[in-house]
Amino acid sequence: IMLLQETKNLATRTWSEHPTLRQALDYFVSSYERQLKALNPQARELSYTVEDLHVYIDSMADLSALIFAPATKHYMPRNKTYLKQQLLLQLQSAAR
């Protein structure tokens, strides 16, 4: 479960449920790309770096995840720092 709050306004709180952390991060990156396209409708191609994603994450009032641990049957909370690390690992793996 990914929990996201874009601004300090509580009305911006949303959540999304994904079977895996990988799919949650893919969803997050897709959302970021949709925002870039909306902000740059004339651009044929958009490019960004991992640092751009990190800045975007840091700009959010809150971003966290609850990751289910089957062995203990509970959800483990994960913060922005963890999500940025996992996002970097996932993008590096995809680039290979």
C-alpha atoms as a PDB file:
ATOM      1  CA  ILE A   1       0.000   0.000   0.000  1.00  0.00           C
ATOM      2  CA  MET A   2       1.448   3.334  -1.044  1.00  0.00           C
ATOM      3  CA  LEU A   3       0.367   6.404   0.928  1.00  0.00           C
ATOM      4  CA  LEU A   4       0.869   9.777  -0.693  1.00  0.00           C
ATOM      5  CA  GLN A   5       0.162  13.351   0.355  1.00  0.00           C
ATOM      6  CA  GLU A   6       1.310  15.914  -2.206  1.00  0.00           C
ATOM      7  CA  THR A   7       0.930  19.048  -0.060  1.00  0.00           C
ATOM      8  CA  LYS A   8       0.156  19.974   3.533  1.00  0.00           C
ATOM      9  CA  ASN A   9      -3.495  20.098   2.526  1.00  0.00           C
ATOM     10  CA  LEU A  10      -5.051  16.921   3.917  1.00  0.00           C
ATOM     11  CA  ALA A  11      -7.352  16.764   0.895  1.00  0.00           C
ATOM     12  CA  THR A  12      -4.342  15.698  -1.209  1.00  0.00           C
ATOM     13  CA  ARG A  13      -3.964  12.415   0.691  1.00  0.00           C
ATOM     14  CA  THR A  14      -4.360   9.329  -1.498  1.00  0.00           C
ATOM     15  CA  TRP A  15      -3.408   5.695  -1.377  1.00  0.00           C
ATOM     16  CA  SER A  16      -2.985   2.899  -3.864  1.00  0.00           C
ATOM     17  CA  GLU A  17      -2.673  -0.832  -3.404  1.00  0.00           C
ATOM     18  CA  HIS A  18      -0.196  -2.942  -5.374  1.00  0.00           C
ATOM     19  CA  PRO A  19       0.766  -6.624  -5.204  1.00  0.00           C
ATOM     20  CA  THR A  20       4.496  -5.832  -4.968  1.00  0.00           C
ATOM     21  CA  LEU A  21       6.800  -2.950  -4.123  1.00  0.00           C
ATOM     22  CA  ARG A  22       8.107  -3.071  -7.694  1.00  0.00           C
ATOM     23  CA  GLN A  23       4.612  -2.480  -9.051  1.00  0.00           C
ATOM     24  CA  ALA A  24       4.003   0.320  -6.538  1.00  0.00           C
ATOM     25  CA  LEU A  25       7.197   2.067  -7.644  1.00  0.00           C
ATOM     26  CA  ASP A  26       6.289   1.566 -11.320  1.00  0.00           C
ATOM     27  CA  TYR A  27       2.922   3.167 -10.597  1.00  0.00           C
ATOM     28  CA  PHE A  28       4.626   6.071  -8.821  1.00  0.00           C
ATOM     29  CA  VAL A  29       7.032   6.680 -11.725  1.00  0.00           C
ATOM     30  CA  SER A  30       4.134   6.503 -14.210  1.00  0.00           C
ATOM     31  CA  SER A  31       2.273   9.108 -12.158  1.00  0.00           C
ATOM     32  CA  TYR A  32       5.357  11.340 -12.207  1.00  0.00           C
ATOM     33  CA  GLU A  33       5.636  10.924 -15.982  1.00  0.00           C
ATOM     34  CA  ARG A  34       1.945  11.822 -16.427  1.00  0.00           C
ATOM     35  CA  GLN A  35       2.521  15.010 -14.430  1.00  0.00           C
ATOM     36  CA  LEU A  36       5.544  15.885 -16.567  1.00  0.00           C
ATOM     37  CA  LYS A  37       3.479  15.403 -19.731  1.00  0.00           C
ATOM     38  CA  ALA A  38       0.687  17.575 -18.325  1.00  0.00           C
ATOM     39  CA  LEU A  39       3.167  20.322 -17.456  1.00  0.00           C
ATOM     40  CA  ASN A  40       4.904  20.060 -20.856  1.00  0.00           C
ATOM     41  CA  PRO A  41       2.145  19.258 -23.371  1.00  0.00           C
ATOM     42  CA  GLN A  42       4.180  20.473 -26.353  1.00  0.00           C
ATOM     43  CA  ALA A  43       7.201  18.288 -25.595  1.00  0.00           C
ATOM     44  CA  ARG A  44       7.640  15.278 -27.852  1.00  0.00           C
ATOM     45  CA  GLU A  45      10.021  13.592 -25.449  1.00  0.00           C
ATOM     46  CA  LEU A  46      10.455  13.994 -21.744  1.00  0.00           C
ATOM     47  CA  SER A  47      13.571  13.127 -19.838  1.00  0.00           C
ATOM     48  CA  TYR A  48      14.374  13.140 -16.155  1.00  0.00           C
ATOM     49  CA  THR A  49      16.968  11.794 -13.793  1.00  0.00           C
ATOM     50  CA  VAL A  50      16.813   9.809 -10.593  1.00  0.00           C
ATOM     51  CA  GLU A  51      17.705  13.068  -8.853  1.00  0.00           C
ATOM     52  CA  ASP A  52      14.582  14.659 -10.386  1.00  0.00           C
ATOM     53  CA  LEU A  53      12.497  11.837  -8.929  1.00  0.00           C
ATOM     54  CA  HIS A  54      14.169  12.291  -5.536  1.00  0.00           C
ATOM     55  CA  VAL A  55      13.415  16.031  -5.586  1.00  0.00           C
ATOM     56  CA  TYR A  56       9.802  15.220  -6.465  1.00  0.00           C
ATOM     57  CA  ILE A  57       9.591  12.751  -3.582  1.00  0.00           C
ATOM     58  CA  ASP A  58      11.141  15.251  -1.175  1.00  0.00           C
ATOM     59  CA  SER A  59       8.643  17.912  -2.274  1.00  0.00           C
ATOM     60  CA  MET A  60       5.733  15.783  -1.065  1.00  0.00           C
ATOM     61  CA  ALA A  61       4.276  16.348   2.369  1.00  0.00           C
ATOM     62  CA  ASP A  62       4.289  12.575   2.851  1.00  0.00           C
ATOM     63  CA  LEU A  63       5.145   9.477   0.901  1.00  0.00           C
ATOM     64  CA  SER A  64       5.315   6.123   2.577  1.00  0.00           C
ATOM     65  CA  ALA A  65       4.465   2.507   2.001  1.00  0.00           C
ATOM     66  CA  LEU A  66       3.095  -0.340   4.045  1.00  0.00           C
ATOM     67  CA  ILE A  67       4.736  -3.537   2.849  1.00  0.00           C
ATOM     68  CA  PHE A  68       3.163  -6.843   3.800  1.00  0.00           C
ATOM     69  CA  ALA A  69       5.512  -9.356   5.412  1.00  0.00           C
ATOM     70  CA  PRO A  70       4.043 -12.834   4.857  1.00  0.00           C
ATOM     71  CA  ALA A  71       6.253 -14.459   7.516  1.00  0.00           C
ATOM     72  CA  THR A  72       4.891 -12.259  10.291  1.00  0.00           C
ATOM     73  CA  LYS A  73       1.558 -11.425   8.637  1.00  0.00           C
ATOM     74  CA  HIS A  74       1.833  -7.715   9.305  1.00  0.00           C
ATOM     75  CA  TYR A  75       2.591  -4.537   7.396  1.00  0.00           C
ATOM     76  CA  MET A  76       5.997  -2.894   7.730  1.00  0.00           C
ATOM     77  CA  PRO A  77       6.015   0.899   7.318  1.00  0.00           C
ATOM     78  CA  ARG A  78       8.613   2.333   4.941  1.00  0.00           C
ATOM     79  CA  ASN A  79       9.510   6.017   4.587  1.00  0.00           C
ATOM     80  CA  LYS A  80      10.700   8.291   1.765  1.00  0.00           C
ATOM     81  CA  THR A  81      14.358   7.355   2.256  1.00  0.00           C
ATOM     82  CA  TYR A  82      13.632   3.648   1.856  1.00  0.00           C
ATOM     83  CA  LEU A  83      11.433   4.275  -1.182  1.00  0.00           C
ATOM     84  CA  LYS A  84      14.119   6.420  -2.841  1.00  0.00           C
ATOM     85  CA  GLN A  85      16.695   3.656  -2.276  1.00  0.00           C
ATOM     86  CA  GLN A  86      14.385   1.013  -3.716  1.00  0.00           C
ATOM     87  CA  LEU A  87      13.493   3.223  -6.664  1.00  0.00           C
ATOM     88  CA  LEU A  88      17.182   3.704  -7.460  1.00  0.00           C
ATOM     89  CA  LEU A  89      17.808  -0.054  -7.285  1.00  0.00           C
ATOM     90  CA  GLN A  90      14.822  -0.751  -9.509  1.00  0.00           C
ATOM     91  CA  LEU A  91      15.864   1.805 -12.133  1.00  0.00           C
ATOM     92  CA  GLN A  92      19.445   0.540 -12.110  1.00  0.00           C
ATOM     93  CA  SER A  93      18.190  -3.005 -12.601  1.00  0.00           C
ATOM     94  CA  ALA A  94      15.965  -1.907 -15.496  1.00  0.00           C
ATOM     95  CA  ALA A  95      18.872  -0.101 -17.150  1.00  0.00           C
ATOM     96  CA  ARG A  96      20.948  -3.293 -17.380  1.00  0.00           C
END
